[in-house]
Amino acid sequence: MDQENLSATLIVAAPAAKVFAVLADPTTHAAIDGTGWIQEPADRAPLTEAGQVFRMDMHHAKHPDGDYQVANKVQVLDPPRAISWLTGQEKEDGRLEFAGWFWRYDLAPLGPSETEVTLTYDWSAVPPPVRERIQFPPFDPEHLTNSLQHLAELVSGR
């Protein structure tokens, strides 16, 4: 695969502010996740600023530990238009280390009750040593579409 990102787009029957509020709430991320890897948030506070760190408890059968935790650092927080975060881990000494991939949601209002949502997973900044250990993307592309469908279902239920 030559490209270094994947994207999917879906029109959600909800205003952009409502969609953004769901995305900025870490307690919803397990329900949105299209891979099934996110278990629950370790940090439950809403995302309110760039630089904020929030952690998620994860499970992946192919991960050496099975259960693990990621630390996400908010890169973009532009309500109700965009939100993104880098995914990494916290080292034993408390340092955060990011391996170069990020998640981004772009929201385009299509009227008062519809929003076009684009989800992008980008691994273009992943260095060669990490690429030797992890195949990118680490999931099937349809997981992005699944995530957007879960988001739409979650937003419609609020």
C-alpha atoms as a PDB file:
ATOM      1  CA  MET A   1       0.000   0.000   0.000  1.00  0.00           C
ATOM      2  CA  ASP A   2       1.532   3.295  -1.133  1.00  0.00           C
ATOM      3  CA  GLN A   3      -0.771   5.653   0.687  1.00  0.00           C
ATOM      4  CA  GLU A   4      -0.166   6.445   4.322  1.00  0.00           C
ATOM      5  CA  ASN A   5      -3.683   7.244   5.454  1.00  0.00           C
ATOM      6  CA  LEU A   6      -7.225   5.953   5.214  1.00  0.00           C
ATOM      7  CA  SER A   7     -10.424   7.987   5.259  1.00  0.00           C
ATOM      8  CA  ALA A   8     -14.134   7.303   5.283  1.00  0.00           C
ATOM      9  CA  THR A   9     -17.049   9.722   5.114  1.00  0.00           C
ATOM     10  CA  LEU A  10     -20.653   9.415   6.258  1.00  0.00           C
ATOM     11  CA  ILE A  11     -23.555  11.841   6.513  1.00  0.00           C
ATOM     12  CA  VAL A  12     -24.897  11.824  10.068  1.00  0.00           C
ATOM     13  CA  ALA A  13     -28.457  12.959  10.789  1.00  0.00           C
ATOM     14  CA  ALA A  14     -27.516  15.382  13.560  1.00  0.00           C
ATOM     15  CA  PRO A  15     -26.148  18.897  13.922  1.00  0.00           C
ATOM     16  CA  ALA A  16     -22.356  19.240  13.929  1.00  0.00           C
ATOM     17  CA  ALA A  17     -22.307  20.484  17.544  1.00  0.00           C
ATOM     18  CA  LYS A  18     -24.049  17.315  18.721  1.00  0.00           C
ATOM     19  CA  VAL A  19     -21.685  15.059  16.752  1.00  0.00           C
ATOM     20  CA  PHE A  20     -18.677  16.989  18.068  1.00  0.00           C
ATOM     21  CA  ALA A  21     -19.895  16.666  21.661  1.00  0.00           C
ATOM     22  CA  VAL A  22     -19.989  12.871  21.301  1.00  0.00           C
ATOM     23  CA  LEU A  23     -16.475  12.792  19.824  1.00  0.00           C
ATOM     24  CA  ALA A  24     -15.129  15.040  22.594  1.00  0.00           C
ATOM     25  CA  ASP A  25     -16.452  12.637  25.251  1.00  0.00           C
ATOM     26  CA  PRO A  26     -13.944   9.803  25.896  1.00  0.00           C
ATOM     27  CA  THR A  27     -16.691   7.728  27.529  1.00  0.00           C
ATOM     28  CA  THR A  28     -18.240   7.234  24.054  1.00  0.00           C
ATOM     29  CA  HIS A  29     -15.104   6.054  22.260  1.00  0.00           C
ATOM     30  CA  ALA A  30     -15.523   2.337  23.021  1.00  0.00           C
ATOM     31  CA  ALA A  31     -19.031   2.452  21.520  1.00  0.00           C
ATOM     32  CA  ILE A  32     -17.743   4.295  18.428  1.00  0.00           C
ATOM     33  CA  ASP A  33     -14.673   2.116  17.854  1.00  0.00           C
ATOM     34  CA  GLY A  34     -14.945   0.025  14.691  1.00  0.00           C
ATOM     35  CA  THR A  35     -12.164  -2.383  15.693  1.00  0.00           C
ATOM     36  CA  GLY A  36     -13.511  -3.447  19.087  1.00  0.00           C
ATOM     37  CA  TRP A  37     -10.105  -2.817  20.655  1.00  0.00           C
ATOM     38  CA  ILE A  38     -11.117   0.063  22.939  1.00  0.00           C
ATOM     39  CA  GLN A  39     -12.404  -1.299  26.234  1.00  0.00           C
ATOM     40  CA  GLU A  40     -13.092   1.823  28.281  1.00  0.00           C
ATOM     41  CA  PRO A  41     -11.623   5.217  29.088  1.00  0.00           C
ATOM     42  CA  ALA A  42      -9.091   5.500  31.870  1.00  0.00           C
ATOM     43  CA  ASP A  43      -9.637   9.282  31.733  1.00  0.00           C
ATOM     44  CA  ARG A  44     -13.283  10.297  31.550  1.00  0.00           C
ATOM     45  CA  ALA A  45     -13.054  14.108  31.375  1.00  0.00           C
ATOM     46  CA  PRO A  46     -14.394  15.728  28.196  1.00  0.00           C
ATOM     47  CA  LEU A  47     -11.797  16.871  25.684  1.00  0.00           C
ATOM     48  CA  THR A  48     -11.554  20.647  25.966  1.00  0.00           C
ATOM     49  CA  GLU A  49      -8.171  21.771  24.597  1.00  0.00           C
ATOM     50  CA  ALA A  50      -5.279  20.903  22.324  1.00  0.00           C
ATOM     51  CA  GLY A  51      -2.499  19.236  24.299  1.00  0.00           C
ATOM     52  CA  GLN A  52      -4.908  17.444  26.642  1.00  0.00           C
ATOM     53  CA  VAL A  53      -4.011  13.794  27.250  1.00  0.00           C
ATOM     54  CA  PHE A  54      -6.591  11.065  27.686  1.00  0.00           C
ATOM     55  CA  ARG A  55      -5.969   7.368  28.166  1.00  0.00           C
ATOM     56  CA  MET A  56      -7.912   4.349  26.968  1.00  0.00           C
ATOM     57  CA  ASP A  57      -7.817   0.766  28.163  1.00  0.00           C
ATOM     58  CA  MET A  58      -7.434  -1.512  25.161  1.00  0.00           C
ATOM     59  CA  HIS A  59      -7.440  -5.188  24.211  1.00  0.00           C
ATOM     60  CA  HIS A  60      -5.976  -6.765  21.105  1.00  0.00           C
ATOM     61  CA  ALA A  61      -5.382 -10.495  20.742  1.00  0.00           C
ATOM     62  CA  LYS A  62      -2.161  -9.895  18.795  1.00  0.00           C
ATOM     63  CA  HIS A  63      -0.735  -7.383  21.291  1.00  0.00           C
ATOM     64  CA  PRO A  64       2.070  -8.948  23.391  1.00  0.00           C
ATOM     65  CA  ASP A  65       0.155  -8.209  26.608  1.00  0.00           C
ATOM     66  CA  GLY A  66      -3.391  -8.632  25.263  1.00  0.00           C
ATOM     67  CA  ASP A  67      -4.645  -5.853  27.547  1.00  0.00           C
ATOM     68  CA  TYR A  68      -2.794  -2.550  27.388  1.00  0.00           C
ATOM     69  CA  GLN A  69      -3.350   1.182  27.670  1.00  0.00           C
ATOM     70  CA  VAL A  70      -2.832   3.971  25.153  1.00  0.00           C
ATOM     71  CA  ALA A  71      -2.254   7.643  25.858  1.00  0.00           C
ATOM     72  CA  ASN A  72      -3.833  10.016  23.353  1.00  0.00           C
ATOM     73  CA  LYS A  73      -2.806  13.651  22.985  1.00  0.00           C
ATOM     74  CA  VAL A  74      -5.324  16.043  21.463  1.00  0.00           C
ATOM     75  CA  GLN A  75      -3.784  17.771  18.420  1.00  0.00           C
ATOM     76  CA  VAL A  76      -6.758  19.700  17.072  1.00  0.00           C
ATOM     77  CA  LEU A  77      -9.836  20.805  18.954  1.00  0.00           C
ATOM     78  CA  ASP A  78     -11.909  23.152  16.788  1.00  0.00           C
ATOM     79  CA  PRO A  79     -15.560  22.828  17.837  1.00  0.00           C
ATOM     80  CA  PRO A  80     -17.678  21.870  15.978  1.00  0.00           C
ATOM     81  CA  ARG A  81     -15.446  21.399  12.924  1.00  0.00           C
ATOM     82  CA  ALA A  82     -12.486  19.140  13.772  1.00  0.00           C
ATOM     83  CA  ILE A  83     -10.944  16.996  16.476  1.00  0.00           C
ATOM     84  CA  SER A  84      -7.819  14.840  16.288  1.00  0.00           C
ATOM     85  CA  TRP A  85      -5.383  13.042  18.547  1.00  0.00           C
ATOM     86  CA  LEU A  86      -2.041  11.281  18.424  1.00  0.00           C
ATOM     87  CA  THR A  87      -1.965   7.799  19.905  1.00  0.00           C
ATOM     88  CA  GLY A  88       0.973   6.579  21.967  1.00  0.00           C
ATOM     89  CA  GLN A  89       1.848   5.210  25.347  1.00  0.00           C
ATOM     90  CA  GLU A  90       3.069   6.292  28.731  1.00  0.00           C
ATOM     91  CA  LYS A  91       6.512   4.959  29.621  1.00  0.00           C
ATOM     92  CA  GLU A  92       7.379   3.690  33.110  1.00  0.00           C
ATOM     93  CA  ASP A  93       9.066   7.022  33.906  1.00  0.00           C
ATOM     94  CA  GLY A  94       5.867   8.911  33.039  1.00  0.00           C
ATOM     95  CA  ARG A  95       7.061  10.228  29.668  1.00  0.00           C
ATOM     96  CA  LEU A  96       4.593  10.059  26.818  1.00  0.00           C
ATOM     97  CA  GLU A  97       5.844   8.543  23.587  1.00  0.00           C
ATOM     98  CA  PHE A  98       3.947   8.794  20.309  1.00  0.00           C
ATOM     99  CA  ALA A  99       4.729   6.536  17.366  1.00  0.00           C
ATOM    100  CA  GLY A 100       3.507   8.817  14.572  1.00  0.00           C
ATOM    101  CA  TRP A 101      -0.109   7.922  13.847  1.00  0.00           C
ATOM    102  CA  PHE A 102      -3.207   9.980  14.524  1.00  0.00           C
ATOM    103  CA  TRP A 103      -6.983   9.922  14.263  1.00  0.00           C
ATOM    104  CA  ARG A 104      -8.921  12.914  12.929  1.00  0.00           C
ATOM    105  CA  TYR A 105     -12.603  13.699  12.514  1.00  0.00           C
ATOM    106  CA  ASP A 106     -13.637  16.570  10.225  1.00  0.00           C
ATOM    107  CA  LEU A 107     -17.232  17.755  10.463  1.00  0.00           C
ATOM    108  CA  ALA A 108     -18.974  19.770   7.743  1.00  0.00           C
ATOM    109  CA  PRO A 109     -22.487  20.992   8.554  1.00  0.00           C
ATOM    110  CA  LEU A 110     -24.909  20.288   5.705  1.00  0.00           C
ATOM    111  CA  GLY A 111     -27.761  22.160   7.338  1.00  0.00           C
ATOM    112  CA  PRO A 112     -29.282  22.386  10.791  1.00  0.00           C
ATOM    113  CA  SER A 113     -29.730  18.624  11.195  1.00  0.00           C
ATOM    114  CA  GLU A 114     -27.097  16.925   9.013  1.00  0.00           C
ATOM    115  CA  THR A 115     -23.323  16.721   9.217  1.00  0.00           C
ATOM    116  CA  GLU A 116     -20.817  15.181   6.850  1.00  0.00           C
ATOM    117  CA  VAL A 117     -18.221  13.421   9.012  1.00  0.00           C
ATOM    118  CA  THR A 118     -14.861  12.308   7.637  1.00  0.00           C
ATOM    119  CA  LEU A 119     -12.704  10.026   9.752  1.00  0.00           C
ATOM    120  CA  THR A 120      -9.016   9.813   8.839  1.00  0.00           C
ATOM    121  CA  TYR A 121      -6.367   7.471  10.206  1.00  0.00           C
ATOM    122  CA  ASP A 122      -2.899   8.735   9.231  1.00  0.00           C
ATOM    123  CA  TRP A 123       0.388   6.890   9.770  1.00  0.00           C
ATOM    124  CA  SER A 124       2.606   9.035   7.510  1.00  0.00           C
ATOM    125  CA  ALA A 125       4.877  10.105  10.404  1.00  0.00           C
ATOM    126  CA  VAL A 126       5.525   6.570  11.710  1.00  0.00           C
ATOM    127  CA  PRO A 127       9.298   5.949  11.716  1.00  0.00           C
ATOM    128  CA  PRO A 128      10.837   2.840  10.072  1.00  0.00           C
ATOM    129  CA  PRO A 129      11.594   0.973  13.348  1.00  0.00           C
ATOM    130  CA  VAL A 130       7.892   1.082  14.300  1.00  0.00           C
ATOM    131  CA  ARG A 131       6.866   0.041  10.772  1.00  0.00           C
ATOM    132  CA  GLU A 132       9.078  -3.026  11.163  1.00  0.00           C
ATOM    133  CA  ARG A 133       7.008  -4.110  14.205  1.00  0.00           C
ATOM    134  CA  ILE A 134       3.522  -3.004  13.159  1.00  0.00           C
ATOM    135  CA  GLN A 135       1.865  -3.415   9.771  1.00  0.00           C
ATOM    136  CA  PHE A 136      -0.019  -0.289   8.677  1.00  0.00           C
ATOM    137  CA  PRO A 137      -2.862   0.055   8.696  1.00  0.00           C
ATOM    138  CA  PRO A 138      -3.259  -2.414  11.570  1.00  0.00           C
ATOM    139  CA  PHE A 139      -6.931  -3.047  10.723  1.00  0.00           C
ATOM    140  CA  ASP A 140      -9.139  -3.489   7.670  1.00  0.00           C
ATOM    141  CA  PRO A 141     -10.259  -0.236   6.020  1.00  0.00           C
ATOM    142  CA  GLU A 142     -13.936  -1.018   6.713  1.00  0.00           C
ATOM    143  CA  HIS A 143     -13.273  -0.383  10.402  1.00  0.00           C
ATOM    144  CA  LEU A 144     -13.399   3.348   9.634  1.00  0.00           C
ATOM    145  CA  THR A 145     -16.829   2.992   8.048  1.00  0.00           C
ATOM    146  CA  ASN A 146     -17.941   0.844  11.002  1.00  0.00           C
ATOM    147  CA  SER A 147     -16.783   3.569  13.396  1.00  0.00           C
ATOM    148  CA  LEU A 148     -18.733   6.235  11.529  1.00  0.00           C
ATOM    149  CA  GLN A 149     -21.863   4.058  11.532  1.00  0.00           C
ATOM    150  CA  HIS A 150     -21.463   3.512  15.301  1.00  0.00           C
ATOM    151  CA  LEU A 151     -21.042   7.274  15.746  1.00  0.00           C
ATOM    152  CA  ALA A 152     -24.227   7.947  13.771  1.00  0.00           C
ATOM    153  CA  GLU A 153     -26.163   5.405  15.860  1.00  0.00           C
ATOM    154  CA  LEU A 154     -24.812   6.854  19.098  1.00  0.00           C
ATOM    155  CA  VAL A 155     -25.623  10.444  18.122  1.00  0.00           C
ATOM    156  CA  SER A 156     -29.162   9.520  17.052  1.00  0.00           C
ATOM    157  CA  GLY A 157     -29.732   7.885  20.447  1.00  0.00           C
ATOM    158  CA  ARG A 158     -28.822  11.028  22.402  1.00  0.00           C
END
